């Protein structure tokens, strides 16, 4: 369980367990601290960081499903120019996910979620973004639940976590084998 709630020395997104800096809404996100108990009053707060990351990824997924299916459209919706340097944000995310800003997002998988979450968290929460580990993002992916996107291949099930486990295990056995032979 990772929680940074209330740690005033940290950037706002981290101390709210909301590293995507989602604005306060009436959406009943999983793990959300009720609005009546929210001490920030502008941004959502979550009981654990995995719930804040999950909400960010669900928000992005919903936007992709609504036709915001390029990095430019997605980030313009997520971080509007009235509050952000949206063009810079688009450039950062495009580079991170390896897509041109106007290229259609065709595959949403665990790798895509990990990369886009990491890039958004770094952009929103520097210098404290390193407090969020890939395992926190993977925990969020694991609890996202079922979803379907029209026109996009979604393959973000737990197979990704298996890859994180099997490769080190195989390397361990290979090392043991090569040392003992």
Protein backbone atom coordinates (compact mmCIF):
# COMPACT_ATOMS: atom_id res chain seq x y z
CA UNK A 1 0.00 0.00 0.00
CA UNK A 2 1.47 3.33 -1.09
CA UNK A 3 0.02 6.50 0.32
CA UNK A 4 1.50 9.97 0.51
CA UNK A 5 -1.70 11.65 1.68
CA UNK A 6 -1.14 14.93 3.48
CA UNK A 7 2.66 15.03 3.21
CA UNK A 8 2.96 18.77 2.65
CA UNK A 9 6.61 18.63 1.59
CA UNK A 10 5.63 16.74 -1.58
CA UNK A 11 4.16 18.06 -4.82
CA UNK A 12 0.40 18.41 -4.78
CA UNK A 13 -0.38 15.43 -7.01
CA UNK A 14 1.77 13.09 -4.94
CA UNK A 15 0.48 14.28 -1.55
CA UNK A 16 -3.10 13.83 -2.81
CA UNK A 17 -2.34 10.28 -4.08
CA UNK A 18 -3.49 11.78 -7.39
CA UNK A 19 -0.34 11.93 -9.54
CA UNK A 20 -2.38 12.77 -12.64
CA UNK A 21 -3.78 15.86 -10.88
CA UNK A 22 -7.41 15.05 -11.72
CA UNK A 23 -9.63 18.00 -10.88
CA UNK A 24 -12.27 17.47 -8.18
CA UNK A 25 -15.53 16.07 -9.63
CA UNK A 26 -18.59 14.15 -8.48
CA UNK A 27 -17.32 10.95 -10.13
CA UNK A 28 -17.29 8.10 -7.61
CA UNK A 29 -13.78 6.86 -8.41
CA UNK A 30 -12.64 3.70 -6.68
CA UNK A 31 -10.60 4.66 -3.59
CA UNK A 32 -11.64 8.31 -3.78
CA UNK A 33 -11.83 10.35 -0.61
CA UNK A 34 -15.36 11.81 -0.52
CA UNK A 35 -15.60 15.46 -1.56
CA UNK A 36 -16.88 16.36 1.92
CA UNK A 37 -13.61 15.04 3.43
CA UNK A 38 -11.30 16.32 0.68
CA UNK A 39 -8.85 18.85 2.15
CA UNK A 40 -7.52 20.09 -1.22
CA UNK A 41 -10.85 21.41 -2.57
CA UNK A 42 -9.50 21.68 -6.16
CA UNK A 43 -7.99 18.28 -6.95
CA UNK A 44 -9.21 14.76 -6.21
CA UNK A 45 -7.69 12.90 -3.26
CA UNK A 46 -7.40 9.12 -3.00
CA UNK A 47 -6.74 6.72 -0.14
CA UNK A 48 -3.85 5.10 -2.02
CA UNK A 49 -1.77 6.15 -5.00
CA UNK A 50 -2.88 3.12 -7.07
CA UNK A 51 -6.44 4.46 -6.98
CA UNK A 52 -5.31 7.88 -8.22
CA UNK A 53 -3.37 6.28 -11.07
CA UNK A 54 -6.33 4.01 -11.86
CA UNK A 55 -8.64 7.04 -12.07
CA UNK A 56 -6.18 8.81 -14.39
CA UNK A 57 -5.96 5.77 -16.67
CA UNK A 58 -9.74 5.28 -16.69
CA UNK A 59 -10.18 8.97 -17.53
CA UNK A 60 -7.74 8.64 -20.44
CA UNK A 61 -9.41 5.40 -21.58
CA UNK A 62 -12.84 7.03 -21.53
CA UNK A 63 -11.51 9.98 -23.54
CA UNK A 64 -9.98 7.65 -26.15
CA UNK A 65 -13.34 5.87 -26.41
CA UNK A 66 -15.06 9.24 -26.97
CA UNK A 67 -12.90 9.91 -30.04
CA UNK A 68 -9.93 11.63 -28.41
CA UNK A 69 -7.81 8.96 -30.08
CA UNK A 70 -4.61 10.85 -30.85
CA UNK A 71 -2.09 12.21 -28.37
CA UNK A 72 -3.00 15.77 -29.42
CA UNK A 73 -6.74 15.25 -28.84
CA UNK A 74 -6.19 13.25 -25.67
CA UNK A 75 -3.83 15.71 -23.98
CA UNK A 76 -5.79 18.76 -25.14
CA UNK A 77 -8.80 17.27 -23.32
CA UNK A 78 -6.75 16.12 -20.31
CA UNK A 79 -4.70 19.31 -19.90
CA UNK A 80 -6.56 22.20 -21.58
CA UNK A 81 -4.62 25.26 -22.79
CA UNK A 82 -6.46 27.49 -20.32
CA UNK A 83 -4.53 25.80 -17.49
CA UNK A 84 -1.44 24.25 -19.11
CA UNK A 85 1.27 24.55 -21.74
CA UNK A 86 -0.67 21.97 -23.73
CA UNK A 87 1.64 21.99 -26.75
CA UNK A 88 4.67 21.15 -24.59
CA UNK A 89 2.61 18.49 -22.81
CA UNK A 90 1.65 16.94 -26.18
CA UNK A 91 5.31 16.86 -27.25
CA UNK A 92 6.37 15.15 -24.00
CA UNK A 93 3.65 12.49 -24.18
CA UNK A 94 4.08 11.88 -27.92
CA UNK A 95 7.78 11.25 -27.45
CA UNK A 96 7.16 8.96 -24.48
CA UNK A 97 4.56 6.75 -26.19
CA UNK A 98 6.36 6.79 -29.55
CA UNK A 99 3.50 8.24 -31.58
CA UNK A 100 3.24 11.37 -33.67
CA UNK A 101 0.82 13.84 -32.04
CA UNK A 102 -1.87 13.26 -34.69
CA UNK A 103 -1.32 9.53 -35.16
CA UNK A 104 -4.32 7.41 -34.16
CA UNK A 105 -3.90 5.38 -30.99
CA UNK A 106 -4.71 1.85 -32.15
CA UNK A 107 -3.44 -0.32 -29.30
CA UNK A 108 -4.01 0.28 -25.61
CA UNK A 109 -2.10 -2.33 -23.66
CA UNK A 110 -0.26 -2.57 -20.36
CA UNK A 111 2.90 -1.13 -21.91
CA UNK A 112 0.98 1.86 -23.31
CA UNK A 113 -0.61 2.47 -19.90
CA UNK A 114 2.72 2.18 -18.11
CA UNK A 115 4.48 4.56 -20.49
CA UNK A 116 1.74 7.19 -20.66
CA UNK A 117 1.19 7.07 -16.89
CA UNK A 118 4.91 7.43 -16.22
CA UNK A 119 5.14 10.41 -18.63
CA UNK A 120 2.07 12.18 -17.19
CA UNK A 121 3.23 11.61 -13.62
CA UNK A 122 6.68 13.01 -14.44
CA UNK A 123 5.13 16.03 -16.16
CA UNK A 124 2.62 16.70 -13.38
CA UNK A 125 4.65 15.84 -10.28
CA UNK A 126 8.34 16.60 -10.82
CA UNK A 127 10.55 16.48 -8.82
CA UNK A 128 8.65 13.92 -6.70
CA UNK A 129 7.56 11.70 -9.62
CA UNK A 130 10.24 9.14 -8.73
CA UNK A 131 8.28 8.25 -5.58
CA UNK A 132 5.81 6.49 -7.89
CA UNK A 133 7.17 3.11 -8.95
CA UNK A 134 6.28 1.05 -11.99
CA UNK A 135 4.77 -1.45 -9.55
CA UNK A 136 2.33 1.27 -8.38
CA UNK A 137 1.28 1.83 -11.99
CA UNK A 138 0.99 -1.91 -12.57
CA UNK A 139 -1.19 -2.22 -9.44
CA UNK A 140 -3.48 0.44 -10.94
CA UNK A 141 -3.62 -1.40 -14.27
CA UNK A 142 -4.49 -4.62 -12.46
CA UNK A 143 -7.53 -3.05 -10.76
CA UNK A 144 -8.87 -1.16 -13.78
CA UNK A 145 -11.58 -3.72 -14.48
CA UNK A 146 -13.11 -4.68 -17.80
CA UNK A 147 -13.62 -2.15 -20.56
CA UNK A 148 -14.11 -2.05 -24.29
CA UNK A 149 -13.02 0.65 -26.68
CA UNK A 150 -14.53 1.06 -30.11
CA UNK A 151 -11.90 0.74 -32.82
CA UNK A 152 -8.99 0.19 -30.42
CA UNK A 153 -7.36 -3.08 -29.44
CA UNK A 154 -7.28 -3.37 -25.64
CA UNK A 155 -4.94 -5.98 -24.15
CA UNK A 156 -4.04 -4.65 -20.71
CA UNK A 157 -4.64 -7.77 -18.68
CA UNK A 158 -2.20 -9.32 -16.21
CA UNK A 159 0.03 -10.89 -18.85
CA UNK A 160 2.28 -7.84 -18.53
CA UNK A 161 3.00 -8.53 -14.86
CA UNK A 162 3.90 -12.10 -15.75
CA UNK A 163 6.61 -10.79 -18.08
CA UNK A 164 8.10 -8.80 -15.22
CA UNK A 165 8.32 -11.99 -13.20
CA UNK A 166 9.33 -14.62 -15.74
CA UNK A 167 12.29 -12.80 -17.29
CA UNK A 168 14.17 -12.29 -13.99
CA UNK A 169 13.42 -15.89 -12.99
CA UNK A 170 14.76 -17.19 -16.30
CA UNK A 171 17.85 -15.01 -15.99
CA UNK A 172 18.41 -16.30 -12.46
CA UNK A 173 18.24 -19.94 -13.56
CA UNK A 174 20.45 -19.25 -16.58
CA UNK A 175 23.04 -17.60 -14.32
CA UNK A 176 22.94 -20.45 -11.80
CA UNK A 177 23.20 -22.99 -14.61
CA UNK A 178 26.09 -21.22 -16.35
CA UNK A 179 28.02 -20.78 -13.07
CA UNK A 180 27.61 -24.40 -12.00
CA UNK A 181 28.41 -25.98 -15.38
